[in-house]
Amino acid sequence: MAYIPIEQLLDKADNSMYKLVMLAAKRTLEIAEGQPKLVSANSSLKPSGVALEEIAEGKVKLKKK
């Protein structure tokens, strides 16, 4: 997994560490349960790493209420 700066990830989660963790955890569970990956990632990469890459690339976003 390439290094993803935390600032880049926080920008995608309204600058909230809590929201980032919740978004990453939810997407990690979806990937672990068999949902397709939204980015091309190495097969040895863990679901949590894939989830963070998806968030960094803007493929997974927070729902606005």
N, C-alpha and C. Protein backbone atom coordinates (compact mmCIF):
# COMPACT_ATOMS: atom_id res chain seq x y z
N MET A 1 0.85 -1.18 0.00
CA MET A 1 0.00 0.00 0.00
C MET A 1 0.89 1.23 0.00
N ALA A 2 0.55 2.14 -0.85
CA ALA A 2 1.27 3.41 -0.90
C ALA A 2 0.89 4.26 0.31
N TYR A 3 1.80 5.11 0.71
CA TYR A 3 1.54 6.00 1.83
C TYR A 3 0.48 7.02 1.43
N ILE A 4 -0.56 7.14 2.26
CA ILE A 4 -1.61 8.13 2.03
C ILE A 4 -1.57 9.11 3.20
N PRO A 5 -1.27 10.38 2.94
CA PRO A 5 -1.20 11.35 4.04
C PRO A 5 -2.55 11.47 4.76
N ILE A 6 -2.50 11.55 6.08
CA ILE A 6 -3.72 11.64 6.88
C ILE A 6 -4.51 12.89 6.53
N GLU A 7 -3.83 13.95 6.13
CA GLU A 7 -4.52 15.19 5.77
C GLU A 7 -5.42 14.97 4.56
N GLN A 8 -4.93 14.17 3.61
CA GLN A 8 -5.73 13.87 2.41
C GLN A 8 -6.97 13.06 2.78
N LEU A 9 -6.83 12.14 3.71
CA LEU A 9 -7.98 11.33 4.14
C LEU A 9 -8.96 12.17 4.95
N LEU A 10 -8.45 13.03 5.81
CA LEU A 10 -9.33 13.87 6.63
C LEU A 10 -10.14 14.84 5.77
N ASP A 11 -9.55 15.32 4.68
CA ASP A 11 -10.28 16.20 3.78
C ASP A 11 -11.52 15.51 3.21
N LYS A 12 -11.45 14.21 3.03
CA LYS A 12 -12.57 13.44 2.48
C LYS A 12 -13.63 13.14 3.53
N ALA A 13 -13.31 13.39 4.82
CA ALA A 13 -14.23 13.07 5.92
C ALA A 13 -14.57 14.30 6.75
N ASP A 14 -14.72 15.42 6.11
CA ASP A 14 -15.09 16.68 6.78
C ASP A 14 -14.14 17.04 7.92
N ASN A 15 -12.85 16.69 7.76
CA ASN A 15 -11.82 16.98 8.77
C ASN A 15 -12.15 16.40 10.14
N SER A 16 -12.83 15.26 10.16
CA SER A 16 -13.20 14.60 11.41
C SER A 16 -12.57 13.21 11.44
N MET A 17 -11.71 12.98 12.41
CA MET A 17 -11.08 11.66 12.55
C MET A 17 -12.15 10.61 12.84
N TYR A 18 -13.15 10.96 13.65
CA TYR A 18 -14.23 10.04 13.98
C TYR A 18 -14.96 9.60 12.71
N LYS A 19 -15.32 10.54 11.87
CA LYS A 19 -16.03 10.20 10.63
C LYS A 19 -15.17 9.37 9.70
N LEU A 20 -13.88 9.66 9.66
CA LEU A 20 -12.97 8.89 8.82
C LEU A 20 -12.89 7.45 9.30
N VAL A 21 -12.76 7.26 10.60
CA VAL A 21 -12.68 5.90 11.14
C VAL A 21 -13.97 5.14 10.89
N MET A 22 -15.09 5.78 11.08
CA MET A 22 -16.38 5.12 10.86
C MET A 22 -16.57 4.75 9.39
N LEU A 23 -16.20 5.65 8.49
CA LEU A 23 -16.31 5.39 7.05
C LEU A 23 -15.40 4.25 6.64
N ALA A 24 -14.16 4.27 7.11
CA ALA A 24 -13.20 3.21 6.76
C ALA A 24 -13.64 1.87 7.34
N ALA A 25 -14.14 1.86 8.56
CA ALA A 25 -14.57 0.60 9.19
C ALA A 25 -15.75 0.00 8.44
N LYS A 26 -16.71 0.83 8.08
CA LYS A 26 -17.88 0.34 7.37
C LYS A 26 -17.49 -0.24 6.00
N ARG A 27 -16.64 0.49 5.29
CA ARG A 27 -16.22 0.01 3.96
C ARG A 27 -15.35 -1.24 4.07
N THR A 28 -14.51 -1.33 5.11
CA THR A 28 -13.69 -2.51 5.33
C THR A 28 -14.56 -3.74 5.52
N LEU A 29 -15.62 -3.62 6.31
CA LEU A 29 -16.53 -4.75 6.51
C LEU A 29 -17.22 -5.15 5.21
N GLU A 30 -17.61 -4.17 4.42
CA GLU A 30 -18.25 -4.48 3.13
C GLU A 30 -17.30 -5.27 2.23
N ILE A 31 -16.05 -4.84 2.16
CA ILE A 31 -15.07 -5.53 1.33
C ILE A 31 -14.81 -6.94 1.85
N ALA A 32 -14.69 -7.07 3.18
CA ALA A 32 -14.43 -8.38 3.78
C ALA A 32 -15.59 -9.34 3.54
N GLU A 33 -16.80 -8.82 3.40
CA GLU A 33 -17.98 -9.65 3.16
C GLU A 33 -18.17 -9.98 1.69
N GLY A 34 -17.31 -9.46 0.82
CA GLY A 34 -17.36 -9.85 -0.58
C GLY A 34 -17.78 -8.78 -1.57
N GLN A 35 -18.00 -7.56 -1.13
CA GLN A 35 -18.33 -6.49 -2.05
C GLN A 35 -17.14 -6.23 -2.97
N PRO A 36 -17.39 -5.86 -4.22
CA PRO A 36 -16.26 -5.62 -5.14
C PRO A 36 -15.45 -4.39 -4.73
N LYS A 37 -14.16 -4.45 -5.02
CA LYS A 37 -13.27 -3.33 -4.74
C LYS A 37 -13.48 -2.26 -5.81
N LEU A 38 -13.42 -1.00 -5.41
CA LEU A 38 -13.65 0.12 -6.32
C LEU A 38 -12.35 0.67 -6.90
N VAL A 39 -11.24 0.14 -6.47
CA VAL A 39 -9.93 0.54 -6.99
C VAL A 39 -9.16 -0.72 -7.34
N SER A 40 -8.22 -0.57 -8.25
CA SER A 40 -7.37 -1.72 -8.57
C SER A 40 -6.29 -1.80 -7.49
N ALA A 41 -6.34 -2.88 -6.72
CA ALA A 41 -5.41 -3.04 -5.61
C ALA A 41 -4.77 -4.41 -5.66
N ASN A 42 -3.61 -4.51 -5.10
CA ASN A 42 -2.89 -5.77 -5.00
C ASN A 42 -3.75 -6.77 -4.22
N SER A 43 -3.77 -8.00 -4.64
CA SER A 43 -4.60 -9.01 -3.98
C SER A 43 -4.14 -9.31 -2.56
N SER A 44 -2.89 -8.99 -2.23
CA SER A 44 -2.39 -9.24 -0.88
C SER A 44 -2.72 -8.10 0.08
N LEU A 45 -3.29 -7.03 -0.43
CA LEU A 45 -3.64 -5.87 0.40
C LEU A 45 -4.85 -6.20 1.26
N LYS A 46 -4.79 -5.85 2.52
CA LYS A 46 -5.88 -6.13 3.45
C LYS A 46 -7.08 -5.24 3.12
N PRO A 47 -8.28 -5.68 3.50
CA PRO A 47 -9.49 -4.88 3.23
C PRO A 47 -9.41 -3.46 3.78
N SER A 48 -8.77 -3.28 4.92
CA SER A 48 -8.67 -1.94 5.49
C SER A 48 -7.80 -1.03 4.61
N GLY A 49 -6.75 -1.57 4.03
CA GLY A 49 -5.91 -0.79 3.12
C GLY A 49 -6.64 -0.41 1.86
N VAL A 50 -7.44 -1.35 1.34
CA VAL A 50 -8.25 -1.07 0.15
C VAL A 50 -9.26 0.03 0.46
N ALA A 51 -9.90 -0.06 1.62
CA ALA A 51 -10.89 0.95 2.01
C ALA A 51 -10.26 2.33 2.09
N LEU A 52 -9.07 2.44 2.66
CA LEU A 52 -8.40 3.74 2.76
C LEU A 52 -8.02 4.27 1.38
N GLU A 53 -7.59 3.40 0.48
CA GLU A 53 -7.28 3.85 -0.88
C GLU A 53 -8.54 4.33 -1.59
N GLU A 54 -9.65 3.64 -1.39
CA GLU A 54 -10.92 4.06 -2.00
C GLU A 54 -11.34 5.43 -1.48
N ILE A 55 -11.17 5.65 -0.19
CA ILE A 55 -11.52 6.95 0.39
C ILE A 55 -10.61 8.04 -0.17
N ALA A 56 -9.31 7.76 -0.24
CA ALA A 56 -8.35 8.75 -0.74
C ALA A 56 -8.65 9.13 -2.19
N GLU A 57 -9.10 8.17 -3.01
CA GLU A 57 -9.38 8.45 -4.41
C GLU A 57 -10.78 9.02 -4.63
N GLY A 58 -11.56 9.14 -3.55
CA GLY A 58 -12.89 9.72 -3.67
C GLY A 58 -13.95 8.76 -4.17
N LYS A 59 -13.67 7.47 -4.15
CA LYS A 59 -14.63 6.47 -4.62
C LYS A 59 -15.68 6.18 -3.56
N VAL A 60 -15.33 6.41 -2.28
CA VAL A 60 -16.25 6.20 -1.16
C VAL A 60 -16.37 7.53 -0.45
N LYS A 61 -17.60 7.95 -0.22
CA LYS A 61 -17.82 9.27 0.39
C LYS A 61 -18.82 9.16 1.53
N LEU A 62 -18.79 10.19 2.37
CA LEU A 62 -19.76 10.29 3.47
C LEU A 62 -21.12 10.67 2.91
N LYS A 63 -22.16 10.17 3.54
CA LYS A 63 -23.51 10.61 3.18
C LYS A 63 -23.80 11.89 3.93
N LYS A 64 -24.28 12.87 3.22
CA LYS A 64 -24.67 14.14 3.86
C LYS A 64 -26.10 14.04 4.32
N LYS A 65 -26.35 14.44 5.55
CA LYS A 65 -27.71 14.37 6.09
C LYS A 65 -28.40 15.69 5.97
